[in-house]
Amino acid sequence: QQLNVPLNYTFNSQQPKVSGALNPDVCKSVAPLFIDLLSNYKTLIYQGTLDMICNAAGNDLWLSQVNWSGNEEFQQQTKQNWMDGVNV
């Protein structure tokens, strides 16, 4: 609810319509967009730390090197688990 996503919304990236829309840019970097994104918008970056396909350590390292206005303060924050109140 806090993200304004309906509670009954089911996303499946394997659906042909969704997959077809996402596939053309699957290997294109969006790194240059992060400077403006992080500097100008409240941003939630979620990664599955226990999911083998998510390179959590690499994501942390990459994010630490993005040159945005709040990076120093961000790096000083304590990491916290984000839970939905139901699934722990």
Protein backbone atom coordinates (compact mmCIF):
# COMPACT_ATOMS: atom_id res chain seq x y z
CA GLN A 1 0.00 0.00 0.00
CA GLN A 2 2.82 2.40 0.84
CA LEU A 3 4.12 1.99 -2.72
CA ASN A 4 0.62 2.52 -4.18
CA VAL A 5 0.56 -0.98 -5.66
CA PRO A 6 -2.77 -2.78 -5.29
CA LEU A 7 -2.57 -5.62 -2.76
CA ASN A 8 -4.06 -8.07 -5.23
CA TYR A 9 -1.64 -7.16 -8.06
CA THR A 10 0.29 -10.10 -9.51
CA PHE A 11 3.33 -9.37 -11.65
CA ASN A 12 4.82 -12.03 -13.85
CA SER A 13 7.71 -10.99 -16.08
CA GLN A 14 7.26 -14.18 -18.11
CA GLN A 15 3.88 -13.11 -19.50
CA PRO A 16 4.39 -12.57 -23.26
CA LYS A 17 3.21 -8.95 -23.21
CA VAL A 18 5.44 -8.05 -20.25
CA SER A 19 8.43 -10.03 -21.48
CA GLY A 20 8.14 -8.51 -24.95
CA ALA A 21 8.17 -5.00 -23.49
CA LEU A 22 11.18 -5.68 -21.23
CA ASN A 23 13.42 -7.75 -23.50
CA PRO A 24 14.64 -5.06 -25.95
CA ASP A 25 16.60 -3.22 -23.27
CA VAL A 26 17.57 -6.09 -20.97
CA CYS A 27 21.31 -5.50 -21.50
CA LYS A 28 21.25 -1.71 -21.61
CA SER A 29 22.78 0.09 -18.65
CA VAL A 30 20.62 2.51 -16.71
CA ALA A 31 23.54 3.57 -14.50
CA PRO A 32 23.61 7.16 -15.86
CA LEU A 33 19.98 7.62 -14.77
CA PHE A 34 20.74 6.88 -11.12
CA ILE A 35 22.51 10.16 -10.38
CA ASP A 36 19.40 12.23 -11.14
CA LEU A 37 17.06 9.59 -9.74
CA LEU A 38 18.80 9.35 -6.37
CA SER A 39 19.49 13.09 -6.13
CA ASN A 40 15.92 14.20 -6.84
CA TYR A 41 13.52 11.47 -5.72
CA LYS A 42 12.87 9.38 -2.65
CA THR A 43 13.98 5.99 -3.92
CA LEU A 44 13.57 2.46 -2.65
CA ILE A 45 16.12 0.03 -4.03
CA TYR A 46 15.17 -3.51 -3.16
CA GLN A 47 17.39 -6.51 -3.70
CA GLY A 48 16.98 -10.07 -2.53
CA THR A 49 20.05 -10.67 -0.39
CA LEU A 50 19.38 -14.41 -0.11
CA ASP A 51 18.60 -14.89 -3.80
CA MET A 52 21.57 -16.36 -5.70
CA ILE A 53 20.65 -14.46 -8.88
CA CYS A 54 20.87 -11.09 -7.09
CA ASN A 55 24.44 -9.92 -6.73
CA ALA A 56 23.89 -8.14 -3.41
CA ALA A 57 27.59 -7.43 -2.77
CA GLY A 58 28.08 -6.17 -6.33
CA ASN A 59 25.00 -3.97 -6.09
CA ASP A 60 26.26 -2.48 -2.83
CA LEU A 61 29.69 -1.80 -4.34
CA TRP A 62 28.21 -0.27 -7.51
CA LEU A 63 25.79 1.91 -5.55
CA SER A 64 28.61 3.16 -3.31
CA GLN A 65 30.36 4.50 -6.42
CA VAL A 66 27.41 6.40 -7.92
CA ASN A 67 28.27 10.09 -7.67
CA TRP A 68 25.02 11.53 -6.27
CA SER A 69 24.40 14.30 -3.76
CA GLY A 70 23.33 12.06 -0.85
CA ASN A 71 25.87 9.25 -1.27
CA GLU A 72 28.04 10.09 1.73
CA GLU A 73 25.06 10.22 4.11
CA PHE A 74 23.59 7.08 2.53
CA GLN A 75 26.82 5.12 3.04
CA GLN A 76 26.84 6.04 6.75
CA GLN A 77 23.38 4.57 7.36
CA THR A 78 22.91 1.22 9.07
CA LYS A 79 21.38 -1.39 6.79
CA GLN A 80 18.01 -2.69 7.90
CA ASN A 81 15.79 -5.55 6.83
CA TRP A 82 12.60 -4.29 5.23
CA MET A 83 9.59 -6.44 6.04
CA ASP A 84 5.97 -6.13 5.10
CA GLY A 85 4.67 -6.97 8.58
CA VAL A 86 3.45 -10.39 7.47
CA ASN A 87 6.37 -12.16 5.82
CA VAL A 88 9.47 -12.22 7.99
